[in-house]
Amino acid sequence: MAKVVALGELLIDFAQISLDEKGYPTMKANPGGAPCNYLAALAKYGVSTDFIGKVGDDAFGKMLVNTLNEANIGTNGIVFDENAFTTLAFVTNDERGDRSFSFARKPGADTCLDWNEVDKRLIDECEIFHFGTLSLTDEPSKTATEKAVAYAKEKGKLISFDPNLRKPLWKNMADARKAIEWGLNRADIVKISDEEVAYFWRELVGEHEAVYLMRNMGVKLIMVTKGASGALIANIDHIVEIKAPSVNAVDTTGAGDIFGGSAVARFLEIGKSADKLTAAELEYIGKYAAAAASLSTEKQGGIPSVPDKNTVLEKMAAEE
């Protein structure tokens, strides 16, 4: 029985490692997909997990399933599609190091998941159900996601949500905004980036105002990641600022997902409802997640880059 189940995309991230004289990138293939990066952190820190999604019945799809098995992520909810390729994401960097995303996904197998293919038993048995917005961009995965979230809420599960805004995948940004608002209004736990906060609430001056609005939407545990500037973590009573540890970053892909999964692992370890967490407990959760996410950037990729618990604790101690 998996304690945390996620639904969404499992794909190949092609990360830029160099440029030739014409400016074309040399890419390295890594296993990825935000929900699975999230589950990888949870599994690394001893939480039982399972994944619901679809990959192509191709070499990459089979490799990805093997990777999840090696990472102790359950694969009981994965479906193979004979008619669509496994989705490919290409991550490139500009001269300032800022990332941009391109996708081979017209359609990608992840968007082809049908509600009838979702293993409801995995949701029945879990404690937390997690999803993002990439599965809301296209049908039939959009309907599958919406029905899965409704089913999980009906069963009394905690709902975890990461907006994970990827603008190139949306036909128009009005749909993206609607999907993010839909997710926020159904979530108990939210991990959101400062860039997504700035996009979604343009009129606000900072993340603290966004926390206030998310509380009004019913979110009980809120995490805003701010890259090298750190993060904040909040519940109904407290907002705690978290400093980012110093690291030698080489690839930030998946760091936000790893922050979210690491934080939820520690939340489950504490064993309290979100509204009962003290400021000190929020600080512990946030510092652990920040250390894990920061250390992950020292390696390529998302799923393979999650550091072990002792390494994270040592980093936390060194930053004190």
C-alpha atoms as a PDB file:
ATOM      1  CA  MET A   1       0.000   0.000   0.000  1.00  0.00           C
ATOM      2  CA  ALA A   2       1.455   3.370  -1.053  1.00  0.00           C
ATOM      3  CA  LYS A   3       1.133   6.299   1.359  1.00  0.00           C
ATOM      4  CA  VAL A   4       1.556   8.895  -1.430  1.00  0.00           C
ATOM      5  CA  VAL A   5       0.217   8.465  -4.973  1.00  0.00           C
ATOM      6  CA  ALA A   6       0.849  10.924  -7.803  1.00  0.00           C
ATOM      7  CA  LEU A   7      -0.812  11.218 -11.198  1.00  0.00           C
ATOM      8  CA  GLY A   8       0.755  12.978 -14.157  1.00  0.00           C
ATOM      9  CA  GLU A   9       3.672  12.939 -16.542  1.00  0.00           C
ATOM     10  CA  LEU A  10       6.655  10.607 -16.724  1.00  0.00           C
ATOM     11  CA  LEU A  11       8.995  11.736 -19.472  1.00  0.00           C
ATOM     12  CA  ILE A  12      12.541  12.168 -20.686  1.00  0.00           C
ATOM     13  CA  ASP A  13      14.274  15.450 -19.856  1.00  0.00           C
ATOM     14  CA  PHE A  14      16.996  16.332 -22.331  1.00  0.00           C
ATOM     15  CA  ALA A  15      19.345  18.705 -20.506  1.00  0.00           C
ATOM     16  CA  GLN A  16      21.827  20.955 -22.259  1.00  0.00           C
ATOM     17  CA  ILE A  17      25.418  20.098 -21.355  1.00  0.00           C
ATOM     18  CA  SER A  18      27.319  22.081 -23.995  1.00  0.00           C
ATOM     19  CA  LEU A  19      26.993  24.134 -27.201  1.00  0.00           C
ATOM     20  CA  ASP A  20      28.801  23.631 -30.487  1.00  0.00           C
ATOM     21  CA  GLU A  21      30.306  26.458 -32.549  1.00  0.00           C
ATOM     22  CA  LYS A  22      26.929  27.068 -34.228  1.00  0.00           C
ATOM     23  CA  GLY A  23      25.079  27.319 -30.922  1.00  0.00           C
ATOM     24  CA  TYR A  24      23.388  23.923 -31.136  1.00  0.00           C
ATOM     25  CA  PRO A  25      23.186  22.138 -27.768  1.00  0.00           C
ATOM     26  CA  THR A  26      24.515  18.717 -26.893  1.00  0.00           C
ATOM     27  CA  MET A  27      21.821  17.124 -24.749  1.00  0.00           C
ATOM     28  CA  LYS A  28      21.885  14.452 -22.055  1.00  0.00           C
ATOM     29  CA  ALA A  29      18.785  12.314 -21.524  1.00  0.00           C
ATOM     30  CA  ASN A  30      17.528  12.078 -17.946  1.00  0.00           C
ATOM     31  CA  PRO A  31      14.390  10.515 -16.452  1.00  0.00           C
ATOM     32  CA  GLY A  32      11.943  13.193 -15.368  1.00  0.00           C
ATOM     33  CA  GLY A  33       8.445  14.479 -14.959  1.00  0.00           C
ATOM     34  CA  ALA A  34       7.523  16.678 -11.998  1.00  0.00           C
ATOM     35  CA  PRO A  35       5.252  14.175 -10.191  1.00  0.00           C
ATOM     36  CA  CYS A  36       7.929  11.488 -10.391  1.00  0.00           C
ATOM     37  CA  ASN A  37      10.689  13.822  -9.201  1.00  0.00           C
ATOM     38  CA  TYR A  38       8.381  14.539  -6.252  1.00  0.00           C
ATOM     39  CA  LEU A  39       7.843  10.826  -5.608  1.00  0.00           C
ATOM     40  CA  ALA A  40      11.569  10.129  -5.928  1.00  0.00           C
ATOM     41  CA  ALA A  41      12.267  12.383  -2.939  1.00  0.00           C
ATOM     42  CA  LEU A  42       9.528  10.741  -0.894  1.00  0.00           C
ATOM     43  CA  ALA A  43      10.750   7.250  -1.755  1.00  0.00           C
ATOM     44  CA  LYS A  44      14.355   8.217  -0.936  1.00  0.00           C
ATOM     45  CA  TYR A  45      13.238   9.281   2.531  1.00  0.00           C
ATOM     46  CA  GLY A  46      11.309   6.126   3.326  1.00  0.00           C
ATOM     47  CA  VAL A  47       7.764   6.941   2.211  1.00  0.00           C
ATOM     48  CA  SER A  48       5.908   4.313   0.166  1.00  0.00           C
ATOM     49  CA  THR A  49       4.782   5.702  -3.198  1.00  0.00           C
ATOM     50  CA  ASP A  50       3.037   4.774  -6.413  1.00  0.00           C
ATOM     51  CA  PHE A  51       2.540   6.507  -9.756  1.00  0.00           C
ATOM     52  CA  ILE A  52      -0.423   6.728 -12.118  1.00  0.00           C
ATOM     53  CA  GLY A  53       0.380   7.715 -15.697  1.00  0.00           C
ATOM     54  CA  LYS A  54       1.026   6.639 -19.256  1.00  0.00           C
ATOM     55  CA  VAL A  55       4.219   6.180 -21.281  1.00  0.00           C
ATOM     56  CA  GLY A  56       4.812   5.040 -24.818  1.00  0.00           C
ATOM     57  CA  ASP A  57       5.366   1.370 -25.536  1.00  0.00           C
ATOM     58  CA  ASP A  58       8.856   2.303 -26.687  1.00  0.00           C
ATOM     59  CA  ALA A  59      12.446   2.174 -25.480  1.00  0.00           C
ATOM     60  CA  PHE A  60      12.205   5.366 -23.436  1.00  0.00           C
ATOM     61  CA  GLY A  61       8.945   4.297 -21.804  1.00  0.00           C
ATOM     62  CA  LYS A  62      10.432   0.977 -20.699  1.00  0.00           C
ATOM     63  CA  MET A  63      13.591   2.681 -19.448  1.00  0.00           C
ATOM     64  CA  LEU A  64      11.532   5.112 -17.375  1.00  0.00           C
ATOM     65  CA  VAL A  65       9.531   2.337 -15.725  1.00  0.00           C
ATOM     66  CA  ASN A  66      12.795   0.563 -14.867  1.00  0.00           C
ATOM     67  CA  THR A  67      14.114   3.807 -13.375  1.00  0.00           C
ATOM     68  CA  LEU A  68      11.055   4.153 -11.155  1.00  0.00           C
ATOM     69  CA  ASN A  69      11.439   0.582  -9.976  1.00  0.00           C
ATOM     70  CA  GLU A  70      15.088   1.241  -9.125  1.00  0.00           C
ATOM     71  CA  ALA A  71      14.042   4.367  -7.200  1.00  0.00           C
ATOM     72  CA  ASN A  72      11.491   2.329  -5.174  1.00  0.00           C
ATOM     73  CA  ILE A  73       8.573   4.195  -6.752  1.00  0.00           C
ATOM     74  CA  GLY A  74       5.604   1.937  -7.390  1.00  0.00           C
ATOM     75  CA  THR A  75       4.695   1.420 -11.033  1.00  0.00           C
ATOM     76  CA  ASN A  76       1.338  -0.303 -10.545  1.00  0.00           C
ATOM     77  CA  GLY A  77      -0.564   2.592 -12.106  1.00  0.00           C
ATOM     78  CA  ILE A  78       1.507   2.906 -15.307  1.00  0.00           C
ATOM     79  CA  VAL A  79      -0.103   2.140 -18.655  1.00  0.00           C
ATOM     80  CA  PHE A  80       1.831   1.594 -21.908  1.00  0.00           C
ATOM     81  CA  ASP A  81       0.447   3.221 -25.067  1.00  0.00           C
ATOM     82  CA  GLU A  82       1.152   1.580 -28.416  1.00  0.00           C
ATOM     83  CA  ASN A  83      -0.004   4.599 -30.408  1.00  0.00           C
ATOM     84  CA  ALA A  84       1.833   7.527 -28.774  1.00  0.00           C
ATOM     85  CA  PHE A  85       5.479   8.129 -28.017  1.00  0.00           C
ATOM     86  CA  THR A  86       6.847   8.830 -24.552  1.00  0.00           C
ATOM     87  CA  THR A  87       6.939  12.601 -24.078  1.00  0.00           C
ATOM     88  CA  LEU A  88      10.306  14.340 -24.503  1.00  0.00           C
ATOM     89  CA  ALA A  89      11.208  17.646 -22.824  1.00  0.00           C
ATOM     90  CA  PHE A  90      14.199  19.724 -23.923  1.00  0.00           C
ATOM     91  CA  VAL A  91      15.705  22.084 -21.347  1.00  0.00           C
ATOM     92  CA  THR A  92      18.100  24.741 -22.675  1.00  0.00           C
ATOM     93  CA  ASN A  93      19.864  27.622 -20.966  1.00  0.00           C
ATOM     94  CA  ASP A  94      20.496  31.162 -22.152  1.00  0.00           C
ATOM     95  CA  GLU A  95      23.669  33.148 -21.525  1.00  0.00           C
ATOM     96  CA  ARG A  96      22.418  34.076 -18.023  1.00  0.00           C
ATOM     97  CA  GLY A  97      21.693  30.453 -17.151  1.00  0.00           C
ATOM     98  CA  ASP A  98      17.909  30.891 -17.296  1.00  0.00           C
ATOM     99  CA  ARG A  99      16.046  27.781 -18.439  1.00  0.00           C
ATOM    100  CA  SER A 100      13.571  27.427 -21.267  1.00  0.00           C
ATOM    101  CA  PHE A 101      11.497  24.359 -22.156  1.00  0.00           C
ATOM    102  CA  SER A 102      10.505  22.760 -25.458  1.00  0.00           C
ATOM    103  CA  PHE A 103       8.397  19.608 -25.747  1.00  0.00           C
ATOM    104  CA  ALA A 104       7.831  16.766 -28.203  1.00  0.00           C
ATOM    105  CA  ARG A 105       4.227  16.115 -27.129  1.00  0.00           C
ATOM    106  CA  LYS A 106       1.724  16.252 -29.997  1.00  0.00           C
ATOM    107  CA  PRO A 107       0.439  14.111 -28.448  1.00  0.00           C
ATOM    108  CA  GLY A 108       2.739  12.605 -25.855  1.00  0.00           C
ATOM    109  CA  ALA A 109       1.709   9.391 -24.178  1.00  0.00           C
ATOM    110  CA  ASP A 110       1.187  11.167 -20.852  1.00  0.00           C
ATOM    111  CA  THR A 111      -1.696  13.213 -22.306  1.00  0.00           C
ATOM    112  CA  CYS A 112      -3.457  10.045 -23.474  1.00  0.00           C
ATOM    113  CA  LEU A 113      -4.286   8.666 -20.024  1.00  0.00           C
ATOM    114  CA  ASP A 114      -8.016   7.918 -19.811  1.00  0.00           C
ATOM    115  CA  TRP A 115     -10.056   7.914 -16.596  1.00  0.00           C
ATOM    116  CA  ASN A 116     -10.976   4.269 -17.253  1.00  0.00           C
ATOM    117  CA  GLU A 117      -7.251   3.424 -17.122  1.00  0.00           C
ATOM    118  CA  VAL A 118      -6.713   4.982 -13.685  1.00  0.00           C
ATOM    119  CA  ASP A 119      -6.276   2.342 -10.977  1.00  0.00           C
ATOM    120  CA  LYS A 120      -8.669   3.647  -8.333  1.00  0.00           C
ATOM    121  CA  ARG A 121      -7.404   1.111  -5.774  1.00  0.00           C
ATOM    122  CA  LEU A 122      -4.156   3.072  -5.515  1.00  0.00           C
ATOM    123  CA  ILE A 123      -6.131   6.186  -4.546  1.00  0.00           C
ATOM    124  CA  ASP A 124      -8.310   4.181  -2.146  1.00  0.00           C
ATOM    125  CA  GLU A 125      -5.240   3.033  -0.206  1.00  0.00           C
ATOM    126  CA  CYS A 126      -3.138   6.222  -0.131  1.00  0.00           C
ATOM    127  CA  GLU A 127      -2.989   9.035   2.406  1.00  0.00           C
ATOM    128  CA  ILE A 128      -1.930  11.849   0.031  1.00  0.00           C
ATOM    129  CA  PHE A 129      -2.855  12.245  -3.646  1.00  0.00           C
ATOM    130  CA  HIS A 130      -0.597  14.556  -5.686  1.00  0.00           C
ATOM    131  CA  PHE A 131      -1.038  16.161  -9.116  1.00  0.00           C
ATOM    132  CA  GLY A 132       0.172  19.064 -11.249  1.00  0.00           C
ATOM    133  CA  THR A 133      -1.109  20.983 -14.257  1.00  0.00           C
ATOM    134  CA  LEU A 134       0.714  19.251 -17.127  1.00  0.00           C
ATOM    135  CA  SER A 135      -1.950  16.556 -17.098  1.00  0.00           C
ATOM    136  CA  LEU A 136      -4.597  19.296 -17.430  1.00  0.00           C
ATOM    137  CA  THR A 137      -3.347  20.705 -20.752  1.00  0.00           C
ATOM    138  CA  ASP A 138      -4.962  18.119 -23.058  1.00  0.00           C
ATOM    139  CA  GLU A 139      -7.668  15.485 -23.225  1.00  0.00           C
ATOM    140  CA  PRO A 140      -8.205  12.761 -22.184  1.00  0.00           C
ATOM    141  CA  SER A 141      -5.677  13.257 -19.340  1.00  0.00           C
ATOM    142  CA  LYS A 142      -7.445  16.471 -18.275  1.00  0.00           C
ATOM    143  CA  THR A 143     -10.686  14.661 -17.521  1.00  0.00           C
ATOM    144  CA  ALA A 144      -8.785  11.768 -15.941  1.00  0.00           C
ATOM    145  CA  THR A 145      -7.009  14.190 -13.601  1.00  0.00           C
ATOM    146  CA  GLU A 146     -10.159  16.078 -12.672  1.00  0.00           C
ATOM    147  CA  LYS A 147     -12.037  12.871 -11.916  1.00  0.00           C
ATOM    148  CA  ALA A 148      -9.086  11.436  -9.955  1.00  0.00           C
ATOM    149  CA  VAL A 149      -8.877  14.551  -7.780  1.00  0.00           C
ATOM    150  CA  ALA A 150     -12.633  14.473  -7.159  1.00  0.00           C
ATOM    151  CA  TYR A 151     -12.436  10.767  -6.329  1.00  0.00           C
ATOM    152  CA  ALA A 152      -9.528  11.322  -3.916  1.00  0.00           C
ATOM    153  CA  LYS A 153     -11.376  14.168  -2.148  1.00  0.00           C
ATOM    154  CA  GLU A 154     -14.505  12.042  -1.871  1.00  0.00           C
ATOM    155  CA  LYS A 155     -12.377   9.353  -0.208  1.00  0.00           C
ATOM    156  CA  GLY A 156     -10.998  11.879   2.308  1.00  0.00           C
ATOM    157  CA  LYS A 157      -7.423  11.985   1.025  1.00  0.00           C
ATOM    158  CA  LEU A 158      -5.107  14.959   1.479  1.00  0.00           C
ATOM    159  CA  ILE A 159      -4.660  16.657  -1.892  1.00  0.00           C
ATOM    160  CA  SER A 160      -1.193  17.903  -2.872  1.00  0.00           C
ATOM    161  CA  PHE A 161      -0.785  20.251  -5.856  1.00  0.00           C
ATOM    162  CA  ASP A 162       2.095  21.803  -7.778  1.00  0.00           C
ATOM    163  CA  PRO A 163       1.077  24.295 -10.509  1.00  0.00           C
ATOM    164  CA  ASN A 164       4.333  23.605 -12.421  1.00  0.00           C
ATOM    165  CA  LEU A 165       3.497  26.174 -15.103  1.00  0.00           C
ATOM    166  CA  ARG A 166       5.023  25.318 -18.494  1.00  0.00           C
ATOM    167  CA  LYS A 167       3.750  27.990 -20.874  1.00  0.00           C
ATOM    168  CA  PRO A 168       4.677  26.238 -24.167  1.00  0.00           C
ATOM    169  CA  LEU A 169       2.246  23.407 -23.365  1.00  0.00           C
ATOM    170  CA  TRP A 170      -0.848  25.595 -23.093  1.00  0.00           C
ATOM    171  CA  LYS A 171      -2.917  26.620 -26.100  1.00  0.00           C
ATOM    172  CA  ASN A 172      -3.655  29.881 -24.280  1.00  0.00           C
ATOM    173  CA  MET A 173      -2.726  31.287 -20.891  1.00  0.00           C
ATOM    174  CA  ALA A 174      -6.350  31.826 -19.881  1.00  0.00           C
ATOM    175  CA  ASP A 175      -6.708  28.031 -19.758  1.00  0.00           C
ATOM    176  CA  ALA A 176      -3.518  27.762 -17.708  1.00  0.00           C
ATOM    177  CA  ARG A 177      -4.747  30.321 -15.222  1.00  0.00           C
ATOM    178  CA  LYS A 178      -8.096  28.539 -14.918  1.00  0.00           C
ATOM    179  CA  ALA A 179      -6.367  25.190 -14.310  1.00  0.00           C
ATOM    180  CA  ILE A 180      -4.081  26.627 -11.622  1.00  0.00           C
ATOM    181  CA  GLU A 181      -7.018  28.249  -9.842  1.00  0.00           C
ATOM    182  CA  TRP A 182      -8.958  24.987 -10.065  1.00  0.00           C
ATOM    183  CA  GLY A 183      -6.056  23.110  -8.465  1.00  0.00           C
ATOM    184  CA  LEU A 184      -5.501  25.651  -5.713  1.00  0.00           C
ATOM    185  CA  ASN A 185      -9.159  25.511  -4.741  1.00  0.00           C
ATOM    186  CA  ARG A 186      -8.959  21.740  -4.235  1.00  0.00           C
ATOM    187  CA  ALA A 187      -5.569  21.382  -2.585  1.00  0.00           C
ATOM    188  CA  ASP A 188      -4.601  20.907   1.058  1.00  0.00           C
ATOM    189  CA  ILE A 189      -0.858  21.119   0.315  1.00  0.00           C
ATOM    190  CA  VAL A 190       0.650  23.403  -2.343  1.00  0.00           C
ATOM    191  CA  LYS A 191       4.209  23.785  -3.574  1.00  0.00           C
ATOM    192  CA  ILE A 192       4.420  26.828  -5.866  1.00  0.00           C
ATOM    193  CA  SER A 193       7.360  28.833  -7.234  1.00  0.00           C
ATOM    194  CA  ASP A 194       7.817  32.575  -6.823  1.00  0.00           C
ATOM    195  CA  GLU A 195       7.608  32.890 -10.626  1.00  0.00           C
ATOM    196  CA  GLU A 196       4.196  31.210 -10.595  1.00  0.00           C
ATOM    197  CA  VAL A 197       3.089  33.465  -7.753  1.00  0.00           C
ATOM    198  CA  ALA A 198       4.182  36.509  -9.761  1.00  0.00           C
ATOM    199  CA  TYR A 199       2.317  35.248 -12.839  1.00  0.00           C
ATOM    200  CA  PHE A 200      -0.869  34.260 -11.073  1.00  0.00           C
ATOM    201  CA  TRP A 201      -1.141  37.257  -8.747  1.00  0.00           C
ATOM    202  CA  ARG A 202       0.521  40.062 -10.695  1.00  0.00           C
ATOM    203  CA  GLU A 203      -0.961  42.758  -8.474  1.00  0.00           C
ATOM    204  CA  LEU A 204       0.716  41.422  -5.331  1.00  0.00           C
ATOM    205  CA  VAL A 205       3.985  42.736  -3.972  1.00  0.00           C
ATOM    206  CA  GLY A 206       5.286  39.471  -2.525  1.00  0.00           C
ATOM    207  CA  GLU A 207       4.799  35.857  -1.500  1.00  0.00           C
ATOM    208  CA  HIS A 208       3.245  36.684   1.878  1.00  0.00           C
ATOM    209  CA  GLU A 209       0.160  38.106   0.171  1.00  0.00           C
ATOM    210  CA  ALA A 210      -0.050  34.963  -1.959  1.00  0.00           C
ATOM    211  CA  VAL A 211      -0.003  32.863   1.206  1.00  0.00           C
ATOM    212  CA  TYR A 212      -2.963  34.854   2.514  1.00  0.00           C
ATOM    213  CA  LEU A 213      -4.941  34.207  -0.672  1.00  0.00           C
ATOM    214  CA  MET A 214      -4.115  30.498  -0.720  1.00  0.00           C
ATOM    215  CA  ARG A 215      -5.218  30.184   2.897  1.00  0.00           C
ATOM    216  CA  ASN A 216      -8.556  31.659   1.806  1.00  0.00           C
ATOM    217  CA  MET A 217      -8.756  28.976  -0.869  1.00  0.00           C
ATOM    218  CA  GLY A 218      -8.483  26.302   1.827  1.00  0.00           C
ATOM    219  CA  VAL A 219      -4.795  25.397   1.418  1.00  0.00           C
ATOM    220  CA  LYS A 220      -3.434  24.129   4.749  1.00  0.00           C
ATOM    221  CA  LEU A 221       0.296  23.787   4.028  1.00  0.00           C
ATOM    222  CA  ILE A 222       1.895  26.257   1.598  1.00  0.00           C
ATOM    223  CA  MET A 223       5.436  26.209   0.223  1.00  0.00           C
ATOM    224  CA  VAL A 224       6.784  28.962  -2.035  1.00  0.00           C
ATOM    225  CA  THR A 225      10.174  28.160  -3.565  1.00  0.00           C
ATOM    226  CA  LYS A 226      12.380  31.063  -4.630  1.00  0.00           C
ATOM    227  CA  GLY A 227      15.452  29.387  -6.106  1.00  0.00           C
ATOM    228  CA  ALA A 228      18.718  30.713  -4.728  1.00  0.00           C
ATOM    229  CA  SER A 229      16.720  33.142  -2.575  1.00  0.00           C
ATOM    230  CA  GLY A 230      15.349  30.286  -0.496  1.00  0.00           C
ATOM    231  CA  ALA A 231      11.704  29.530   0.269  1.00  0.00           C
ATOM    232  CA  LEU A 232       8.900  30.167   2.667  1.00  0.00           C
ATOM    233  CA  ILE A 233       6.623  27.636   4.290  1.00  0.00           C
ATOM    234  CA  ALA A 234       3.346  28.428   5.987  1.00  0.00           C
ATOM    235  CA  ASN A 235       0.223  27.076   7.608  1.00  0.00           C
ATOM    236  CA  ILE A 236      -2.770  28.922   8.991  1.00  0.00           C
ATOM    237  CA  ASP A 237      -0.829  30.402  11.937  1.00  0.00           C
ATOM    238  CA  HIS A 238       2.783  30.810  10.818  1.00  0.00           C
ATOM    239  CA  ILE A 239       4.912  31.936   7.879  1.00  0.00           C
ATOM    240  CA  VAL A 240       8.565  30.871   8.087  1.00  0.00           C
ATOM    241  CA  GLU A 241      11.310  32.140   5.774  1.00  0.00           C
ATOM    242  CA  ILE A 242      13.945  29.593   4.737  1.00  0.00           C
ATOM    243  CA  LYS A 243      17.430  30.438   3.497  1.00  0.00           C
ATOM    244  CA  ALA A 244      18.845  28.485   0.553  1.00  0.00           C
ATOM    245  CA  PRO A 245      22.032  26.569   1.390  1.00  0.00           C
ATOM    246  CA  SER A 246      25.132  27.349  -0.669  1.00  0.00           C
ATOM    247  CA  VAL A 247      25.871  24.760  -3.368  1.00  0.00           C
ATOM    248  CA  ASN A 248      27.678  24.463  -6.706  1.00  0.00           C
ATOM    249  CA  ALA A 249      24.634  24.088  -8.944  1.00  0.00           C
ATOM    250  CA  VAL A 250      24.973  22.422 -12.352  1.00  0.00           C
ATOM    251  CA  ASP A 251      21.324  21.600 -13.130  1.00  0.00           C
ATOM    252  CA  THR A 252      18.240  22.983 -11.367  1.00  0.00           C
ATOM    253  CA  THR A 253      15.788  20.714 -13.204  1.00  0.00           C
ATOM    254  CA  GLY A 254      13.486  19.046 -10.698  1.00  0.00           C
ATOM    255  CA  ALA A 255      14.757  20.974  -7.674  1.00  0.00           C
ATOM    256  CA  GLY A 256      11.333  22.432  -6.892  1.00  0.00           C
ATOM    257  CA  ASP A 257       9.720  18.994  -7.154  1.00  0.00           C
ATOM    258  CA  ILE A 258      12.362  17.542  -4.843  1.00  0.00           C
ATOM    259  CA  PHE A 259      11.706  20.386  -2.394  1.00  0.00           C
ATOM    260  CA  GLY A 260       8.015  19.465  -2.380  1.00  0.00           C
ATOM    261  CA  GLY A 261       8.565  15.728  -1.966  1.00  0.00           C
ATOM    262  CA  SER A 262      11.187  16.208   0.737  1.00  0.00           C
ATOM    263  CA  ALA A 263       8.917  18.578   2.657  1.00  0.00           C
ATOM    264  CA  VAL A 264       5.978  16.164   2.513  1.00  0.00           C
ATOM    265  CA  ALA A 265       8.244  13.328   3.710  1.00  0.00           C
ATOM    266  CA  ARG A 266       9.129  15.346   6.808  1.00  0.00           C
ATOM    267  CA  PHE A 267       5.491  16.430   7.252  1.00  0.00           C
ATOM    268  CA  LEU A 268       4.471  12.772   7.350  1.00  0.00           C
ATOM    269  CA  GLU A 269       7.327  12.018   9.745  1.00  0.00           C
ATOM    270  CA  ILE A 270       6.036  14.627  12.214  1.00  0.00           C
ATOM    271  CA  GLY A 271       2.581  13.112  11.957  1.00  0.00           C
ATOM    272  CA  LYS A 272       0.500  16.196  12.730  1.00  0.00           C
ATOM    273  CA  SER A 273      -2.247  17.853  10.741  1.00  0.00           C
ATOM    274  CA  ALA A 274      -0.919  20.880   8.865  1.00  0.00           C
ATOM    275  CA  ASP A 275      -2.821  23.395  10.950  1.00  0.00           C
ATOM    276  CA  LYS A 276      -1.228  22.045  14.143  1.00  0.00           C
ATOM    277  CA  LEU A 277       2.388  22.424  12.983  1.00  0.00           C
ATOM    278  CA  THR A 278       4.425  24.841  15.088  1.00  0.00           C
ATOM    279  CA  ALA A 279       6.753  27.448  13.622  1.00  0.00           C
ATOM    280  CA  ALA A 280       9.720  25.298  14.708  1.00  0.00           C
ATOM    281  CA  GLU A 281       8.303  22.259  12.901  1.00  0.00           C
ATOM    282  CA  LEU A 282       7.661  24.286   9.765  1.00  0.00           C
ATOM    283  CA  GLU A 283      11.235  25.530   9.934  1.00  0.00           C
ATOM    284  CA  TYR A 284      12.543  21.958  10.207  1.00  0.00           C
ATOM    285  CA  ILE A 285      10.432  20.856   7.243  1.00  0.00           C
ATOM    286  CA  GLY A 286      11.539  23.861   5.175  1.00  0.00           C
ATOM    287  CA  LYS A 287      15.233  23.610   6.022  1.00  0.00           C
ATOM    288  CA  TYR A 288      15.296  19.910   5.219  1.00  0.00           C
ATOM    289  CA  ALA A 289      13.505  20.431   1.907  1.00  0.00           C
ATOM    290  CA  ALA A 290      15.771  23.364   0.984  1.00  0.00           C
ATOM    291  CA  ALA A 291      18.896  21.340   1.729  1.00  0.00           C
ATOM    292  CA  ALA A 292      17.660  18.351  -0.283  1.00  0.00           C
ATOM    293  CA  ALA A 293      16.609  20.497  -3.248  1.00  0.00           C
ATOM    294  CA  SER A 294      19.834  22.519  -3.216  1.00  0.00           C
ATOM    295  CA  LEU A 295      22.019  19.406  -3.092  1.00  0.00           C
ATOM    296  CA  SER A 296      20.053  17.896  -5.983  1.00  0.00           C
ATOM    297  CA  THR A 297      21.202  20.754  -8.236  1.00  0.00           C
ATOM    298  CA  GLU A 298      24.787  19.534  -7.973  1.00  0.00           C
ATOM    299  CA  LYS A 299      23.856  16.567 -10.189  1.00  0.00           C
ATOM    300  CA  GLN A 300      22.167  16.258 -13.577  1.00  0.00           C
ATOM    301  CA  GLY A 301      18.504  15.332 -13.777  1.00  0.00           C
ATOM    302  CA  GLY A 302      15.657  15.078 -11.296  1.00  0.00           C
ATOM    303  CA  ILE A 303      14.934  11.504 -10.192  1.00  0.00           C
ATOM    304  CA  PRO A 304      18.602  10.405  -9.955  1.00  0.00           C
ATOM    305  CA  SER A 305      19.723  13.545  -8.108  1.00  0.00           C
ATOM    306  CA  VAL A 306      17.901  13.161  -4.774  1.00  0.00           C
ATOM    307  CA  PRO A 307      20.520  13.076  -1.974  1.00  0.00           C
ATOM    308  CA  ASP A 308      20.310  10.563   0.882  1.00  0.00           C
ATOM    309  CA  LYS A 309      19.014  11.624   4.279  1.00  0.00           C
ATOM    310  CA  ASN A 310      22.388  11.653   6.058  1.00  0.00           C
ATOM    311  CA  THR A 311      23.837  13.961   3.400  1.00  0.00           C
ATOM    312  CA  VAL A 312      20.886  16.312   3.826  1.00  0.00           C
ATOM    313  CA  LEU A 313      21.215  16.355   7.609  1.00  0.00           C
ATOM    314  CA  GLU A 314      24.940  17.035   7.319  1.00  0.00           C
ATOM    315  CA  LYS A 315      24.219  19.952   4.998  1.00  0.00           C
ATOM    316  CA  MET A 316      21.649  21.331   7.419  1.00  0.00           C
ATOM    317  CA  ALA A 317      24.153  21.130  10.268  1.00  0.00           C
ATOM    318  CA  ALA A 318      26.857  22.814   8.208  1.00  0.00           C
ATOM    319  CA  GLU A 319      24.529  25.718   7.422  1.00  0.00           C
ATOM    320  CA  GLU A 320      23.674  26.389  11.073  1.00  0.00           C
END
